[in-house]
Amino acid sequence: MESLKFTYLAEPNDINFGGKVHGGEVMKWIDQAAYALAVKYSKGYAVTKFVDNIEFKSPINIGDLVTINVFLVKSGNTSMTFNVKVLSEHLVLQEENLNCECDIVFVAIDQNGKPRKIIK
């Protein structure tokens, strides 16, 4: 199974007014990590088509080590579906939480901006 792992350190500029990492920042990280696997798997440029069932389960705190795990679930002629899990770890306490998960679909794109066949 194709997979990829991205790791970030939650920084003060990532937080919202409640003092936790902003959901939009988490969504950006998800998109970046899934993009990397989509390009790697399809051997070319790809774009986000759809994000499904994004569920925020627990907050991420400043200083947490955040890991984005992306797994290829399905591949079609031009599209790829990934499952994404976001985990955070409090580095001092070494406690890990599942913060968020979702499915995301990418489409392989050619130089003219049209869907292209995925090279396997």
N, C-alpha and C. Protein backbone atom coordinates (compact mmCIF):
# COMPACT_ATOMS: atom_id res chain seq x y z
N MET A 1 0.85 -1.18 0.00
CA MET A 1 0.00 0.00 0.00
C MET A 1 0.89 1.24 0.00
N GLU A 2 0.55 2.20 -0.85
CA GLU A 2 1.29 3.45 -0.91
C GLU A 2 0.91 4.32 0.29
N SER A 3 1.91 4.90 0.93
CA SER A 3 1.64 5.77 2.07
C SER A 3 2.75 6.80 2.20
N LEU A 4 2.47 7.82 3.00
CA LEU A 4 3.42 8.89 3.22
C LEU A 4 3.15 9.50 4.59
N LYS A 5 4.20 9.97 5.22
CA LYS A 5 4.07 10.58 6.55
C LYS A 5 4.72 11.95 6.53
N PHE A 6 3.98 12.98 6.97
CA PHE A 6 4.50 14.34 7.15
C PHE A 6 4.48 14.64 8.63
N THR A 7 5.48 15.38 9.10
CA THR A 7 5.52 15.75 10.51
C THR A 7 5.76 17.25 10.64
N TYR A 8 5.00 17.88 11.53
CA TYR A 8 5.10 19.30 11.80
C TYR A 8 5.20 19.51 13.31
N LEU A 9 5.76 20.62 13.71
CA LEU A 9 5.73 21.05 15.10
C LEU A 9 4.73 22.19 15.18
N ALA A 10 3.69 22.04 16.01
CA ALA A 10 2.67 23.08 16.15
C ALA A 10 3.29 24.31 16.80
N GLU A 11 3.24 25.42 16.08
CA GLU A 11 3.89 26.65 16.51
C GLU A 11 2.85 27.70 16.92
N PRO A 12 3.29 28.73 17.64
CA PRO A 12 2.35 29.78 18.08
C PRO A 12 1.59 30.46 16.94
N ASN A 13 2.20 30.58 15.76
CA ASN A 13 1.48 31.23 14.65
C ASN A 13 0.43 30.33 14.01
N ASP A 14 0.30 29.07 14.47
CA ASP A 14 -0.70 28.13 13.95
C ASP A 14 -2.01 28.16 14.73
N ILE A 15 -2.08 28.94 15.82
CA ILE A 15 -3.24 28.83 16.72
C ILE A 15 -4.37 29.79 16.36
N ASN A 16 -5.55 29.42 16.85
CA ASN A 16 -6.74 30.26 16.68
C ASN A 16 -6.96 31.09 17.94
N PHE A 17 -8.09 31.78 18.03
CA PHE A 17 -8.37 32.64 19.18
C PHE A 17 -8.59 31.85 20.47
N GLY A 18 -8.84 30.55 20.35
CA GLY A 18 -9.02 29.70 21.53
C GLY A 18 -7.72 29.10 22.03
N GLY A 19 -6.61 29.40 21.37
CA GLY A 19 -5.31 28.90 21.82
C GLY A 19 -4.95 27.51 21.33
N LYS A 20 -5.72 26.97 20.41
CA LYS A 20 -5.43 25.65 19.83
C LYS A 20 -5.07 25.83 18.36
N VAL A 21 -4.46 24.82 17.74
CA VAL A 21 -4.13 24.91 16.33
C VAL A 21 -5.42 25.08 15.52
N HIS A 22 -5.39 26.05 14.63
CA HIS A 22 -6.54 26.40 13.80
C HIS A 22 -6.89 25.25 12.86
N GLY A 23 -8.19 24.94 12.75
CA GLY A 23 -8.64 23.87 11.86
C GLY A 23 -8.21 24.08 10.42
N GLY A 24 -8.17 25.33 10.00
CA GLY A 24 -7.73 25.64 8.64
C GLY A 24 -6.27 25.28 8.41
N GLU A 25 -5.46 25.44 9.44
CA GLU A 25 -4.05 25.06 9.34
C GLU A 25 -3.93 23.54 9.20
N VAL A 26 -4.73 22.81 9.97
CA VAL A 26 -4.74 21.34 9.88
C VAL A 26 -5.17 20.91 8.48
N MET A 27 -6.19 21.57 7.94
CA MET A 27 -6.66 21.25 6.59
C MET A 27 -5.57 21.53 5.55
N LYS A 28 -4.80 22.59 5.74
CA LYS A 28 -3.69 22.90 4.84
C LYS A 28 -2.64 21.79 4.89
N TRP A 29 -2.31 21.34 6.11
CA TRP A 29 -1.33 20.26 6.25
C TRP A 29 -1.82 18.97 5.58
N ILE A 30 -3.10 18.68 5.75
CA ILE A 30 -3.70 17.49 5.11
C ILE A 30 -3.53 17.59 3.60
N ASP A 31 -3.87 18.75 3.04
CA ASP A 31 -3.80 18.94 1.60
C ASP A 31 -2.35 18.83 1.10
N GLN A 32 -1.41 19.39 1.83
CA GLN A 32 0.00 19.32 1.43
C GLN A 32 0.51 17.88 1.44
N ALA A 33 0.20 17.15 2.49
CA ALA A 33 0.67 15.76 2.60
C ALA A 33 0.04 14.88 1.53
N ALA A 34 -1.27 15.02 1.31
CA ALA A 34 -1.94 14.22 0.29
C ALA A 34 -1.44 14.60 -1.11
N TYR A 35 -1.18 15.90 -1.33
CA TYR A 35 -0.63 16.34 -2.61
C TYR A 35 0.70 15.63 -2.88
N ALA A 36 1.57 15.58 -1.88
CA ALA A 36 2.88 14.96 -2.07
C ALA A 36 2.74 13.49 -2.49
N LEU A 37 1.83 12.76 -1.84
CA LEU A 37 1.65 11.36 -2.21
C LEU A 37 0.98 11.23 -3.58
N ALA A 38 0.04 12.12 -3.90
CA ALA A 38 -0.63 12.08 -5.20
C ALA A 38 0.37 12.29 -6.33
N VAL A 39 1.26 13.26 -6.17
CA VAL A 39 2.27 13.53 -7.20
C VAL A 39 3.26 12.37 -7.30
N LYS A 40 3.68 11.88 -6.16
CA LYS A 40 4.62 10.76 -6.15
C LYS A 40 4.00 9.52 -6.80
N TYR A 41 2.75 9.22 -6.45
CA TYR A 41 2.10 8.02 -6.96
C TYR A 41 1.78 8.14 -8.46
N SER A 42 1.27 9.31 -8.87
CA SER A 42 0.84 9.48 -10.27
C SER A 42 1.98 9.92 -11.18
N LYS A 43 3.14 10.21 -10.59
CA LYS A 43 4.32 10.63 -11.34
C LYS A 43 4.08 11.91 -12.15
N GLY A 44 3.38 12.86 -11.52
CA GLY A 44 3.13 14.15 -12.17
C GLY A 44 2.19 15.00 -11.34
N TYR A 45 1.91 16.19 -11.84
CA TYR A 45 1.09 17.16 -11.13
C TYR A 45 -0.31 16.60 -10.86
N ALA A 46 -0.88 16.98 -9.72
CA ALA A 46 -2.24 16.55 -9.35
C ALA A 46 -2.88 17.67 -8.53
N VAL A 47 -4.21 17.70 -8.53
CA VAL A 47 -4.94 18.73 -7.79
C VAL A 47 -6.02 18.08 -6.90
N THR A 48 -6.35 18.80 -5.84
CA THR A 48 -7.41 18.36 -4.94
C THR A 48 -8.74 18.46 -5.65
N LYS A 49 -9.54 17.42 -5.59
CA LYS A 49 -10.87 17.40 -6.19
C LYS A 49 -11.95 17.48 -5.12
N PHE A 50 -11.72 16.78 -3.99
CA PHE A 50 -12.81 16.59 -3.03
C PHE A 50 -12.24 16.17 -1.69
N VAL A 51 -12.78 16.73 -0.62
CA VAL A 51 -12.44 16.28 0.73
C VAL A 51 -13.75 15.82 1.38
N ASP A 52 -13.73 14.65 1.97
CA ASP A 52 -14.96 14.05 2.50
C ASP A 52 -14.80 13.67 3.96
N ASN A 53 -15.87 13.89 4.70
CA ASN A 53 -15.98 13.41 6.09
C ASN A 53 -14.85 13.88 6.99
N ILE A 54 -14.42 15.13 6.85
CA ILE A 54 -13.37 15.62 7.74
C ILE A 54 -13.97 15.79 9.13
N GLU A 55 -13.36 15.15 10.09
CA GLU A 55 -13.87 15.18 11.46
C GLU A 55 -12.74 15.54 12.41
N PHE A 56 -12.95 16.64 13.14
CA PHE A 56 -11.98 17.07 14.15
C PHE A 56 -12.38 16.43 15.46
N LYS A 57 -11.51 15.59 16.01
CA LYS A 57 -11.84 14.79 17.19
C LYS A 57 -11.28 15.36 18.48
N SER A 58 -10.09 15.98 18.41
CA SER A 58 -9.48 16.56 19.60
C SER A 58 -8.54 17.69 19.17
N PRO A 59 -8.33 18.67 20.04
CA PRO A 59 -7.50 19.82 19.66
C PRO A 59 -6.01 19.48 19.66
N ILE A 60 -5.26 20.30 18.92
CA ILE A 60 -3.80 20.21 18.88
C ILE A 60 -3.25 21.43 19.60
N ASN A 61 -2.30 21.23 20.49
CA ASN A 61 -1.73 22.30 21.29
C ASN A 61 -0.40 22.78 20.73
N ILE A 62 -0.03 24.00 21.06
CA ILE A 62 1.29 24.53 20.70
C ILE A 62 2.35 23.59 21.27
N GLY A 63 3.35 23.28 20.48
CA GLY A 63 4.43 22.41 20.92
C GLY A 63 4.22 20.94 20.65
N ASP A 64 2.99 20.57 20.26
CA ASP A 64 2.74 19.17 19.92
C ASP A 64 3.44 18.81 18.61
N LEU A 65 3.92 17.58 18.53
CA LEU A 65 4.45 17.05 17.29
C LEU A 65 3.26 16.47 16.53
N VAL A 66 3.01 17.00 15.35
CA VAL A 66 1.83 16.61 14.56
C VAL A 66 2.29 15.75 13.40
N THR A 67 1.67 14.59 13.25
CA THR A 67 2.00 13.67 12.17
C THR A 67 0.77 13.47 11.30
N ILE A 68 0.95 13.68 10.00
CA ILE A 68 -0.11 13.47 9.01
C ILE A 68 0.24 12.18 8.28
N ASN A 69 -0.61 11.16 8.44
CA ASN A 69 -0.42 9.87 7.76
C ASN A 69 -1.40 9.78 6.60
N VAL A 70 -0.88 9.58 5.40
CA VAL A 70 -1.71 9.50 4.19
C VAL A 70 -1.56 8.10 3.60
N PHE A 71 -2.69 7.49 3.29
CA PHE A 71 -2.72 6.13 2.74
C PHE A 71 -3.55 6.10 1.46
N LEU A 72 -3.01 5.52 0.40
CA LEU A 72 -3.77 5.35 -0.83
C LEU A 72 -4.84 4.28 -0.59
N VAL A 73 -6.09 4.63 -0.86
CA VAL A 73 -7.21 3.70 -0.67
C VAL A 73 -7.64 3.11 -2.01
N LYS A 74 -7.67 3.99 -3.03
CA LYS A 74 -8.17 3.55 -4.34
C LYS A 74 -7.54 4.42 -5.41
N SER A 75 -7.27 3.81 -6.57
CA SER A 75 -6.75 4.55 -7.71
C SER A 75 -7.56 4.18 -8.93
N GLY A 76 -8.01 5.21 -9.65
CA GLY A 76 -8.72 5.01 -10.91
C GLY A 76 -7.81 5.36 -12.07
N ASN A 77 -8.40 5.68 -13.23
CA ASN A 77 -7.61 6.06 -14.40
C ASN A 77 -6.94 7.42 -14.22
N THR A 78 -7.67 8.37 -13.61
CA THR A 78 -7.13 9.72 -13.45
C THR A 78 -7.18 10.21 -12.01
N SER A 79 -7.85 9.49 -11.12
CA SER A 79 -8.02 9.96 -9.75
C SER A 79 -7.47 8.98 -8.72
N MET A 80 -7.21 9.55 -7.54
CA MET A 80 -6.68 8.77 -6.42
C MET A 80 -7.43 9.18 -5.16
N THR A 81 -7.84 8.21 -4.36
CA THR A 81 -8.50 8.48 -3.09
C THR A 81 -7.56 8.08 -1.96
N PHE A 82 -7.38 9.01 -1.02
CA PHE A 82 -6.50 8.79 0.12
C PHE A 82 -7.28 8.91 1.42
N ASN A 83 -6.88 8.13 2.41
CA ASN A 83 -7.37 8.30 3.77
C ASN A 83 -6.27 9.00 4.53
N VAL A 84 -6.65 10.01 5.32
CA VAL A 84 -5.68 10.80 6.06
C VAL A 84 -6.01 10.76 7.54
N LYS A 85 -5.00 10.51 8.35
CA LYS A 85 -5.15 10.55 9.81
C LYS A 85 -4.15 11.55 10.36
N VAL A 86 -4.63 12.43 11.25
CA VAL A 86 -3.79 13.44 11.88
C VAL A 86 -3.63 13.07 13.35
N LEU A 87 -2.39 12.89 13.76
CA LEU A 87 -2.09 12.52 15.15
C LEU A 87 -1.21 13.60 15.75
N SER A 88 -1.36 13.83 17.05
CA SER A 88 -0.45 14.76 17.73
C SER A 88 0.12 14.06 18.96
N GLU A 89 1.34 14.47 19.29
CA GLU A 89 2.00 13.91 20.47
C GLU A 89 2.52 15.03 21.35
N HIS A 90 2.14 14.99 22.62
CA HIS A 90 2.72 15.90 23.62
C HIS A 90 4.10 15.35 23.90
N LEU A 91 5.15 16.11 23.56
CA LEU A 91 6.51 15.57 23.61
C LEU A 91 6.99 15.25 25.02
N VAL A 92 6.56 16.02 26.02
CA VAL A 92 7.00 15.78 27.39
C VAL A 92 6.28 14.57 27.97
N LEU A 93 4.97 14.55 27.83
CA LEU A 93 4.17 13.46 28.40
C LEU A 93 4.16 12.21 27.51
N GLN A 94 4.57 12.36 26.25
CA GLN A 94 4.57 11.28 25.26
C GLN A 94 3.20 10.64 25.13
N GLU A 95 2.17 11.50 25.14
CA GLU A 95 0.79 11.05 24.92
C GLU A 95 0.40 11.40 23.49
N GLU A 96 -0.18 10.42 22.81
CA GLU A 96 -0.58 10.62 21.42
C GLU A 96 -2.10 10.64 21.30
N ASN A 97 -2.61 11.55 20.45
CA ASN A 97 -4.05 11.67 20.20
C ASN A 97 -4.33 11.61 18.71
N LEU A 98 -5.46 10.99 18.36
CA LEU A 98 -5.99 11.08 17.00
C LEU A 98 -6.80 12.37 16.96
N ASN A 99 -6.35 13.35 16.19
CA ASN A 99 -6.99 14.66 16.18
C ASN A 99 -8.02 14.82 15.08
N CYS A 100 -7.75 14.21 13.93
CA CYS A 100 -8.60 14.45 12.78
C CYS A 100 -8.40 13.33 11.78
N GLU A 101 -9.44 13.06 10.99
CA GLU A 101 -9.28 12.15 9.87
C GLU A 101 -10.27 12.49 8.79
N CYS A 102 -9.93 12.10 7.56
CA CYS A 102 -10.80 12.38 6.42
C CYS A 102 -10.35 11.55 5.22
N ASP A 103 -11.13 11.63 4.18
CA ASP A 103 -10.76 11.08 2.87
C ASP A 103 -10.60 12.26 1.93
N ILE A 104 -9.66 12.16 1.00
CA ILE A 104 -9.39 13.24 0.06
C ILE A 104 -9.10 12.63 -1.30
N VAL A 105 -9.66 13.25 -2.35
CA VAL A 105 -9.50 12.76 -3.72
C VAL A 105 -8.67 13.77 -4.51
N PHE A 106 -7.69 13.25 -5.23
CA PHE A 106 -6.87 14.06 -6.13
C PHE A 106 -7.04 13.56 -7.55
N VAL A 107 -6.88 14.48 -8.51
CA VAL A 107 -6.93 14.14 -9.92
C VAL A 107 -5.59 14.49 -10.55
N ALA A 108 -5.03 13.55 -11.31
CA ALA A 108 -3.80 13.80 -12.04
C ALA A 108 -4.11 14.74 -13.19
N ILE A 109 -3.27 15.76 -13.39
CA ILE A 109 -3.53 16.81 -14.37
C ILE A 109 -2.35 16.91 -15.34
N ASP A 110 -2.67 17.12 -16.63
CA ASP A 110 -1.61 17.29 -17.63
C ASP A 110 -1.22 18.77 -17.74
N GLN A 111 -0.30 19.09 -18.67
CA GLN A 111 0.19 20.45 -18.82
C GLN A 111 -0.87 21.43 -19.33
N ASN A 112 -1.99 20.92 -19.83
CA ASN A 112 -3.09 21.77 -20.29
C ASN A 112 -4.21 21.91 -19.27
N GLY A 113 -3.97 21.36 -18.08
CA GLY A 113 -4.98 21.46 -17.03
C GLY A 113 -6.11 20.46 -17.13
N LYS A 114 -5.92 19.44 -17.94
CA LYS A 114 -6.94 18.40 -18.15
C LYS A 114 -6.53 17.14 -17.40
N PRO A 115 -7.52 16.33 -16.97
CA PRO A 115 -7.17 15.07 -16.32
C PRO A 115 -6.31 14.20 -17.23
N ARG A 116 -5.31 13.55 -16.63
CA ARG A 116 -4.43 12.67 -17.39
C ARG A 116 -4.42 11.27 -16.75
N LYS A 117 -4.08 10.30 -17.57
CA LYS A 117 -4.01 8.93 -17.10
C LYS A 117 -2.85 8.81 -16.09
N ILE A 118 -3.11 8.12 -15.01
CA ILE A 118 -2.10 7.90 -13.99
C ILE A 118 -1.10 6.86 -14.50
N ILE A 119 0.19 7.21 -14.41
CA ILE A 119 1.26 6.31 -14.80
C ILE A 119 1.59 5.45 -13.59
N LYS A 120 1.42 4.15 -13.72
CA LYS A 120 1.69 3.25 -12.60
C LYS A 120 2.98 2.50 -12.78
